[in-house]
C-alpha atoms as a PDB file:
ATOM      1  CA  UNK A   1      28.270  28.676 -92.755  1.00  0.00           C
ATOM      2  CA  UNK A   2      25.213  28.770 -94.920  1.00  0.00           C
ATOM      3  CA  UNK A   3      23.045  25.851 -96.016  1.00  0.00           C
ATOM      4  CA  UNK A   4      23.920  26.875 -99.563  1.00  0.00           C
ATOM      5  CA  UNK A   5      27.710  26.706 -99.050  1.00  0.00           C
ATOM      6  CA  UNK A   6      28.189  22.976 -99.702  1.00  0.00           C
ATOM      7  CA  UNK A   7      26.393  23.407-102.920  1.00  0.00           C
ATOM      8  CA  UNK A   8      28.390  26.430-103.879  1.00  0.00           C
ATOM      9  CA  UNK A   9      31.628  24.625-103.005  1.00  0.00           C
ATOM     10  CA  UNK A  10      30.700  21.936-105.710  1.00  0.00           C
ATOM     11  CA  UNK A  11      31.293  24.811-108.419  1.00  0.00           C
ATOM     12  CA  UNK A  12      34.621  25.137-110.193  1.00  0.00           C
ATOM     13  CA  UNK A  13      36.678  27.936-108.458  1.00  0.00           C
ATOM     14  CA  UNK A  14      36.457  29.967-111.679  1.00  0.00           C
ATOM     15  CA  UNK A  15      32.802  30.408-111.477  1.00  0.00           C
ATOM     16  CA  UNK A  16      32.529  33.032-108.641  1.00  0.00           C
ATOM     17  CA  UNK A  17      35.041  35.399-110.009  1.00  0.00           C
ATOM     18  CA  UNK A  18      33.462  35.207-113.484  1.00  0.00           C
ATOM     19  CA  UNK A  19      30.125  36.056-111.859  1.00  0.00           C
ATOM     20  CA  UNK A  20      31.711  38.933-110.098  1.00  0.00           C
ATOM     21  CA  UNK A  21      33.392  40.384-113.147  1.00  0.00           C
ATOM     22  CA  UNK A  22      30.259  40.099-115.132  1.00  0.00           C
ATOM     23  CA  UNK A  23      27.999  41.747-112.572  1.00  0.00           C
ATOM     24  CA  UNK A  24      30.656  44.542-112.195  1.00  0.00           C
ATOM     25  CA  UNK A  25      30.525  45.018-115.928  1.00  0.00           C
ATOM     26  CA  UNK A  26      26.766  45.480-115.849  1.00  0.00           C
ATOM     27  CA  UNK A  27      27.133  47.911-113.080  1.00  0.00           C
ATOM     28  CA  UNK A  28      24.927  45.722-110.860  1.00  0.00           C
ATOM     29  CA  UNK A  29      25.467  45.833-107.195  1.00  0.00           C
ATOM     30  CA  UNK A  30      24.325  42.788-105.077  1.00  0.00           C
ATOM     31  CA  UNK A  31      24.647  42.075-101.417  1.00  0.00           C
ATOM     32  CA  UNK A  32      26.721  39.162-100.043  1.00  0.00           C
ATOM     33  CA  UNK A  33      23.357  37.143 -99.665  1.00  0.00           C
ATOM     34  CA  UNK A  34      22.328  37.907-103.386  1.00  0.00           C
ATOM     35  CA  UNK A  35      25.851  36.713-104.521  1.00  0.00           C
ATOM     36  CA  UNK A  36      25.380  33.393-102.599  1.00  0.00           C
ATOM     37  CA  UNK A  37      21.941  32.944-104.110  1.00  0.00           C
ATOM     38  CA  UNK A  38      23.107  33.523-107.623  1.00  0.00           C
ATOM     39  CA  UNK A  39      25.972  31.115-107.213  1.00  0.00           C
ATOM     40  CA  UNK A  40      23.323  28.741-105.555  1.00  0.00           C
ATOM     41  CA  UNK A  41      21.223  28.970-108.643  1.00  0.00           C
ATOM     42  CA  UNK A  42      24.129  28.093-110.848  1.00  0.00           C
ATOM     43  CA  UNK A  43      25.115  25.173-108.807  1.00  0.00           C
ATOM     44  CA  UNK A  44      21.455  23.735-108.853  1.00  0.00           C
ATOM     45  CA  UNK A  45      21.042  24.436-112.679  1.00  0.00           C
ATOM     46  CA  UNK A  46      24.214  22.667-113.227  1.00  0.00           C
ATOM     47  CA  UNK A  47      23.536  19.712-110.880  1.00  0.00           C
ATOM     48  CA  UNK A  48      19.899  19.203-112.214  1.00  0.00           C
ATOM     49  CA  UNK A  49      20.842  19.648-115.830  1.00  0.00           C
ATOM     50  CA  UNK A  50      23.155  16.579-115.708  1.00  0.00           C
ATOM     51  CA  UNK A  51      20.155  14.467-114.986  1.00  0.00           C
ATOM     52  CA  UNK A  52      17.153  16.391-116.429  1.00  0.00           C
ATOM     53  CA  UNK A  53      18.393  18.340-119.475  1.00  0.00           C
ATOM     54  CA  UNK A  54      17.031  21.575-118.509  1.00  0.00           C
ATOM     55  CA  UNK A  55      19.196  23.566-120.731  1.00  0.00           C
ATOM     56  CA  UNK A  56      21.330  23.013-123.748  1.00  0.00           C
ATOM     57  CA  UNK A  57      24.060  24.949-121.971  1.00  0.00           C
ATOM     58  CA  UNK A  58      26.158  22.138-120.218  1.00  0.00           C
ATOM     59  CA  UNK A  59      29.195  24.081-119.108  1.00  0.00           C
ATOM     60  CA  UNK A  60      28.646  26.000-115.791  1.00  0.00           C
ATOM     61  CA  UNK A  61      30.998  28.688-116.780  1.00  0.00           C
ATOM     62  CA  UNK A  62      28.947  29.326-119.895  1.00  0.00           C
ATOM     63  CA  UNK A  63      25.771  29.451-117.720  1.00  0.00           C
ATOM     64  CA  UNK A  64      27.213  32.400-115.946  1.00  0.00           C
ATOM     65  CA  UNK A  65      26.939  34.563-119.102  1.00  0.00           C
ATOM     66  CA  UNK A  66      24.262  32.719-121.174  1.00  0.00           C
ATOM     67  CA  UNK A  67      21.745  32.440-118.212  1.00  0.00           C
ATOM     68  CA  UNK A  68      22.664  34.621-115.217  1.00  0.00           C
ATOM     69  CA  UNK A  69      24.245  37.631-116.868  1.00  0.00           C
ATOM     70  CA  UNK A  70      21.890  37.690-119.730  1.00  0.00           C
ATOM     71  CA  UNK A  71      19.090  37.785-117.243  1.00  0.00           C
ATOM     72  CA  UNK A  72      20.527  40.232-115.033  1.00  0.00           C
ATOM     73  CA  UNK A  73      21.152  42.655-118.010  1.00  0.00           C
ATOM     74  CA  UNK A  74      17.539  43.453-118.290  1.00  0.00           C
ATOM     75  CA  UNK A  75      17.021  44.241-114.463  1.00  0.00           C
ATOM     76  CA  UNK A  76      17.292  48.125-114.872  1.00  0.00           C
ATOM     77  CA  UNK A  77      14.066  47.905-117.028  1.00  0.00           C
ATOM     78  CA  UNK A  78      12.105  45.620-114.629  1.00  0.00           C
ATOM     79  CA  UNK A  79      10.122  47.349-111.983  1.00  0.00           C
ATOM     80  CA  UNK A  80       7.068  45.510-111.517  1.00  0.00           C
ATOM     81  CA  UNK A  81       6.090  45.023-108.882  1.00  0.00           C
ATOM     82  CA  UNK A  82       4.005  42.123-110.270  1.00  0.00           C
ATOM     83  CA  UNK A  83       5.995  40.380-112.805  1.00  0.00           C
ATOM     84  CA  UNK A  84       5.124  37.275-115.005  1.00  0.00           C
ATOM     85  CA  UNK A  85       7.843  35.110-116.655  1.00  0.00           C
ATOM     86  CA  UNK A  86       6.322  33.414-119.587  1.00  0.00           C
ATOM     87  CA  UNK A  87       7.844  30.408-120.703  1.00  0.00           C
ATOM     88  CA  UNK A  88      10.262  30.669-117.841  1.00  0.00           C
ATOM     89  CA  UNK A  89      11.992  27.153-118.439  1.00  0.00           C
ATOM     90  CA  UNK A  90      14.143  26.581-115.415  1.00  0.00           C
ATOM     91  CA  UNK A  91      13.213  30.042-114.110  1.00  0.00           C
ATOM     92  CA  UNK A  92      15.004  32.529-116.444  1.00  0.00           C
ATOM     93  CA  UNK A  93      15.079  35.331-116.212  1.00  0.00           C
ATOM     94  CA  UNK A  94      12.622  35.371-113.335  1.00  0.00           C
ATOM     95  CA  UNK A  95      14.664  33.631-110.510  1.00  0.00           C
ATOM     96  CA  UNK A  96      17.600  35.949-111.446  1.00  0.00           C
ATOM     97  CA  UNK A  97      15.397  38.968-111.324  1.00  0.00           C
ATOM     98  CA  UNK A  98      13.610  37.906-108.170  1.00  0.00           C
ATOM     99  CA  UNK A  99      17.125  37.416-106.551  1.00  0.00           C
ATOM    100  CA  UNK A 100      18.508  40.831-107.653  1.00  0.00           C
ATOM    101  CA  UNK A 101      15.279  42.763-106.837  1.00  0.00           C
ATOM    102  CA  UNK A 102      13.671  41.276-103.767  1.00  0.00           C
ATOM    103  CA  UNK A 103      10.920  43.912-103.929  1.00  0.00           C
ATOM    104  CA  UNK A 104       9.287  42.147-107.046  1.00  0.00           C
ATOM    105  CA  UNK A 105       6.619  39.561-106.912  1.00  0.00           C
ATOM    106  CA  UNK A 106       7.602  37.039-109.644  1.00  0.00           C
ATOM    107  CA  UNK A 107       5.196  34.528-111.152  1.00  0.00           C
ATOM    108  CA  UNK A 108       7.178  31.742-113.299  1.00  0.00           C
ATOM    109  CA  UNK A 109       4.965  30.140-115.926  1.00  0.00           C
ATOM    110  CA  UNK A 110       5.862  27.171-117.761  1.00  0.00           C
ATOM    111  CA  UNK A 111       3.947  23.860-119.061  1.00  0.00           C
ATOM    112  CA  UNK A 112       6.930  21.557-118.607  1.00  0.00           C
ATOM    113  CA  UNK A 113       6.809  19.506-115.310  1.00  0.00           C
ATOM    114  CA  UNK A 114      10.419  18.787-114.840  1.00  0.00           C
ATOM    115  CA  UNK A 115      11.375  22.617-115.320  1.00  0.00           C
ATOM    116  CA  UNK A 116       8.776  23.646-112.940  1.00  0.00           C
ATOM    117  CA  UNK A 117       9.931  21.183-110.295  1.00  0.00           C
ATOM    118  CA  UNK A 118      13.334  22.729-110.642  1.00  0.00           C
ATOM    119  CA  UNK A 119      11.954  26.105-110.130  1.00  0.00           C
ATOM    120  CA  UNK A 120      10.186  24.890-106.878  1.00  0.00           C
ATOM    121  CA  UNK A 121      13.297  23.191-105.708  1.00  0.00           C
ATOM    122  CA  UNK A 122      15.439  26.443-106.576  1.00  0.00           C
ATOM    123  CA  UNK A 123      12.834  28.615-104.614  1.00  0.00           C
ATOM    124  CA  UNK A 124      13.089  26.323-101.638  1.00  0.00           C
ATOM    125  CA  UNK A 125      16.800  26.087-101.523  1.00  0.00           C
ATOM    126  CA  UNK A 126      17.449  29.522-102.278  1.00  0.00           C
ATOM    127  CA  UNK A 127      15.019  30.761 -99.651  1.00  0.00           C
ATOM    128  CA  UNK A 128      13.149  33.012-102.128  1.00  0.00           C
ATOM    129  CA  UNK A 129       9.663  34.297-100.692  1.00  0.00           C
ATOM    130  CA  UNK A 130       8.822  36.298-103.707  1.00  0.00           C
ATOM    131  CA  UNK A 131       8.463  33.587-106.428  1.00  0.00           C
ATOM    132  CA  UNK A 132       5.552  31.672-107.371  1.00  0.00           C
ATOM    133  CA  UNK A 133       6.391  28.601-109.809  1.00  0.00           C
ATOM    134  CA  UNK A 134       3.250  27.735-111.931  1.00  0.00           C
ATOM    135  CA  UNK A 135       2.749  24.712-114.141  1.00  0.00           C
ATOM    136  CA  UNK A 136       0.083  25.487-117.044  1.00  0.00           C
ATOM    137  CA  UNK A 137       0.088  26.419-120.722  1.00  0.00           C
ATOM    138  CA  UNK A 138       0.022  30.230-121.122  1.00  0.00           C
ATOM    139  CA  UNK A 139      -3.245  29.962-123.185  1.00  0.00           C
ATOM    140  CA  UNK A 140      -4.915  28.194-119.980  1.00  0.00           C
ATOM    141  CA  UNK A 141      -3.404  30.411-117.330  1.00  0.00           C
ATOM    142  CA  UNK A 142      -5.938  32.679-115.581  1.00  0.00           C
ATOM    143  CA  UNK A 143      -3.787  35.025-113.608  1.00  0.00           C
ATOM    144  CA  UNK A 144      -4.019  38.511-112.149  1.00  0.00           C
ATOM    145  CA  UNK A 145      -3.098  41.462-114.193  1.00  0.00           C
ATOM    146  CA  UNK A 146       0.620  41.956-114.297  1.00  0.00           C
ATOM    147  CA  UNK A 147       2.519  45.107-114.304  1.00  0.00           C
ATOM    148  CA  UNK A 148       5.133  43.550-116.496  1.00  0.00           C
ATOM    149  CA  UNK A 149       5.012  40.339-118.669  1.00  0.00           C
ATOM    150  CA  UNK A 150       8.523  39.187-119.643  1.00  0.00           C
ATOM    151  CA  UNK A 151       9.890  36.457-121.919  1.00  0.00           C
ATOM    152  CA  UNK A 152      13.243  35.300-122.664  1.00  0.00           C
ATOM    153  CA  UNK A 153      13.075  32.409-125.248  1.00  0.00           C
ATOM    154  CA  UNK A 154       9.308  31.514-125.271  1.00  0.00           C
ATOM    155  CA  UNK A 155       8.014  32.223-128.864  1.00  0.00           C
ATOM    156  CA  UNK A 156       7.947  34.493-131.712  1.00  0.00           C
ATOM    157  CA  UNK A 157       7.053  38.353-130.808  1.00  0.00           C
ATOM    158  CA  UNK A 158       3.524  37.960-132.378  1.00  0.00           C
ATOM    159  CA  UNK A 159       2.870  34.634-130.395  1.00  0.00           C
ATOM    160  CA  UNK A 160       4.149  36.214-127.101  1.00  0.00           C
ATOM    161  CA  UNK A 161       2.105  39.197-127.442  1.00  0.00           C
ATOM    162  CA  UNK A 162      -1.295  37.226-128.707  1.00  0.00           C
ATOM    163  CA  UNK A 163      -1.006  34.494-126.264  1.00  0.00           C
ATOM    164  CA  UNK A 164      -0.602  36.858-123.238  1.00  0.00           C
ATOM    165  CA  UNK A 165      -2.812  39.733-124.507  1.00  0.00           C
ATOM    166  CA  UNK A 166      -5.052  39.584-121.351  1.00  0.00           C
ATOM    167  CA  UNK A 167      -2.271  39.389-118.750  1.00  0.00           C
ATOM    168  CA  UNK A 168      -0.831  42.791-118.591  1.00  0.00           C
ATOM    169  CA  UNK A 169      -2.510  45.391-116.386  1.00  0.00           C
ATOM    170  CA  UNK A 170      -4.205  48.353-118.086  1.00  0.00           C
ATOM    171  CA  UNK A 171      -0.857  50.289-118.090  1.00  0.00           C
ATOM    172  CA  UNK A 172       1.108  47.155-118.189  1.00  0.00           C
ATOM    173  CA  UNK A 173       4.078  46.357-120.517  1.00  0.00           C
ATOM    174  CA  UNK A 174       5.569  43.417-122.378  1.00  0.00           C
ATOM    175  CA  UNK A 175       9.170  42.913-122.119  1.00  0.00           C
ATOM    176  CA  UNK A 176      10.637  40.620-124.839  1.00  0.00           C
ATOM    177  CA  UNK A 177      14.273  39.608-124.987  1.00  0.00           C
ATOM    178  CA  UNK A 178      15.472  39.042-128.272  1.00  0.00           C
ATOM    179  CA  UNK A 179      18.503  38.588-130.592  1.00  0.00           C
ATOM    180  CA  UNK A 180      19.294  40.252-133.892  1.00  0.00           C
ATOM    181  CA  UNK A 181      16.261  39.105-135.932  1.00  0.00           C
ATOM    182  CA  UNK A 182      13.867  41.254-133.881  1.00  0.00           C
ATOM    183  CA  UNK A 183      13.126  43.686-136.833  1.00  0.00           C
ATOM    184  CA  UNK A 184      11.480  41.097-138.860  1.00  0.00           C
ATOM    185  CA  UNK A 185       9.132  40.330-135.921  1.00  0.00           C
ATOM    186  CA  UNK A 186       8.299  43.900-135.136  1.00  0.00           C
ATOM    187  CA  UNK A 187       7.080  44.388-138.532  1.00  0.00           C
ATOM    188  CA  UNK A 188       4.381  41.759-137.840  1.00  0.00           C
ATOM    189  CA  UNK A 189       3.358  43.326-134.591  1.00  0.00           C
ATOM    190  CA  UNK A 190      -0.530  43.351-134.074  1.00  0.00           C
ATOM    191  CA  UNK A 191      -2.242  46.717-134.473  1.00  0.00           C
ATOM    192  CA  UNK A 192      -3.239  46.944-130.759  1.00  0.00           C
ATOM    193  CA  UNK A 193       0.320  46.999-129.465  1.00  0.00           C
ATOM    194  CA  UNK A 194       3.175  49.492-130.071  1.00  0.00           C
ATOM    195  CA  UNK A 195       6.950  49.426-129.352  1.00  0.00           C
ATOM    196  CA  UNK A 196       7.731  51.908-126.496  1.00  0.00           C
ATOM    197  CA  UNK A 197      11.289  51.353-126.182  1.00  0.00           C
ATOM    198  CA  UNK A 198      14.264  49.368-127.443  1.00  0.00           C
ATOM    199  CA  UNK A 199      17.350  48.673-125.370  1.00  0.00           C
ATOM    200  CA  UNK A 200      20.494  47.061-126.730  1.00  0.00           C
ATOM    201  CA  UNK A 201      21.937  44.665-124.009  1.00  0.00           C
ATOM    202  CA  UNK A 202      25.623  44.181-123.754  1.00  0.00           C
ATOM    203  CA  UNK A 203      25.974  40.841-121.859  1.00  0.00           C
ATOM    204  CA  UNK A 204      29.526  40.390-120.416  1.00  0.00           C
ATOM    205  CA  UNK A 205      31.431  37.578-122.107  1.00  0.00           C
ATOM    206  CA  UNK A 206      29.060  37.209-124.951  1.00  0.00           C
ATOM    207  CA  UNK A 207      29.411  38.534-128.514  1.00  0.00           C
ATOM    208  CA  UNK A 208      25.810  37.692-130.055  1.00  0.00           C
ATOM    209  CA  UNK A 209      23.653  40.726-130.195  1.00  0.00           C
ATOM    210  CA  UNK A 210      20.932  40.977-127.388  1.00  0.00           C
ATOM    211  CA  UNK A 211      18.310  43.439-127.028  1.00  0.00           C
ATOM    212  CA  UNK A 212      15.024  44.198-124.951  1.00  0.00           C
ATOM    213  CA  UNK A 213      11.845  45.384-126.596  1.00  0.00           C
ATOM    214  CA  UNK A 214       9.335  47.060-124.474  1.00  0.00           C
ATOM    215  CA  UNK A 215       5.859  47.141-125.711  1.00  0.00           C
ATOM    216  CA  UNK A 216       2.543  48.534-124.536  1.00  0.00           C
ATOM    217  CA  UNK A 217      -1.069  48.429-125.650  1.00  0.00           C
ATOM    218  CA  UNK A 218      -1.629  51.164-128.189  1.00  0.00           C
ATOM    219  CA  UNK A 219      -2.763  54.481-126.684  1.00  0.00           C
ATOM    220  CA  UNK A 220      -1.216  54.034-123.321  1.00  0.00           C
ATOM    221  CA  UNK A 221       1.293  56.413-122.199  1.00  0.00           C
END
């Protein structure tokens, strides 16, 4: 029996099939260990959320789609190997990406102490060796150059780019997970960055439009 089994057994029995169905709809293949880690993450998030209000999503079934599958939907575009998740909150999408793509090295960055404590607990309980939780404000963070800098719900596109301007490597990318209002934000892009690609994301069980914007420093192919 895995050490995660008691934790996973606390989940409603509908959660595992919902996760399986969603991953299949995304075309994502996971190992039994990865499946267990994703379920463990859901159980931890649900457990901690009751005490610490980490996310406005209260229902664990809703967490499957709104948090795990939403994060998993961008995995095909994440190659790293060095990834920075800015404004990671309780570790989304970074923890999901680290589970699904163990070859990545993921740094989670957030200024909220309770959310970073959750990140650390999740890293320990899920036995993740490729994740580094970091508590700091992004403007005070002096990290290495990252291959990709991703944000799910951190700030406007302009603020995301300007606050992290020094963090992507020379040929690095910004990955911004956005809803339907991205066109207005794109019109305000600073002149030193350009949109390289735009992908519509079809998140299982969700009707709201989701998209991924991939941006690069201007002049970089």
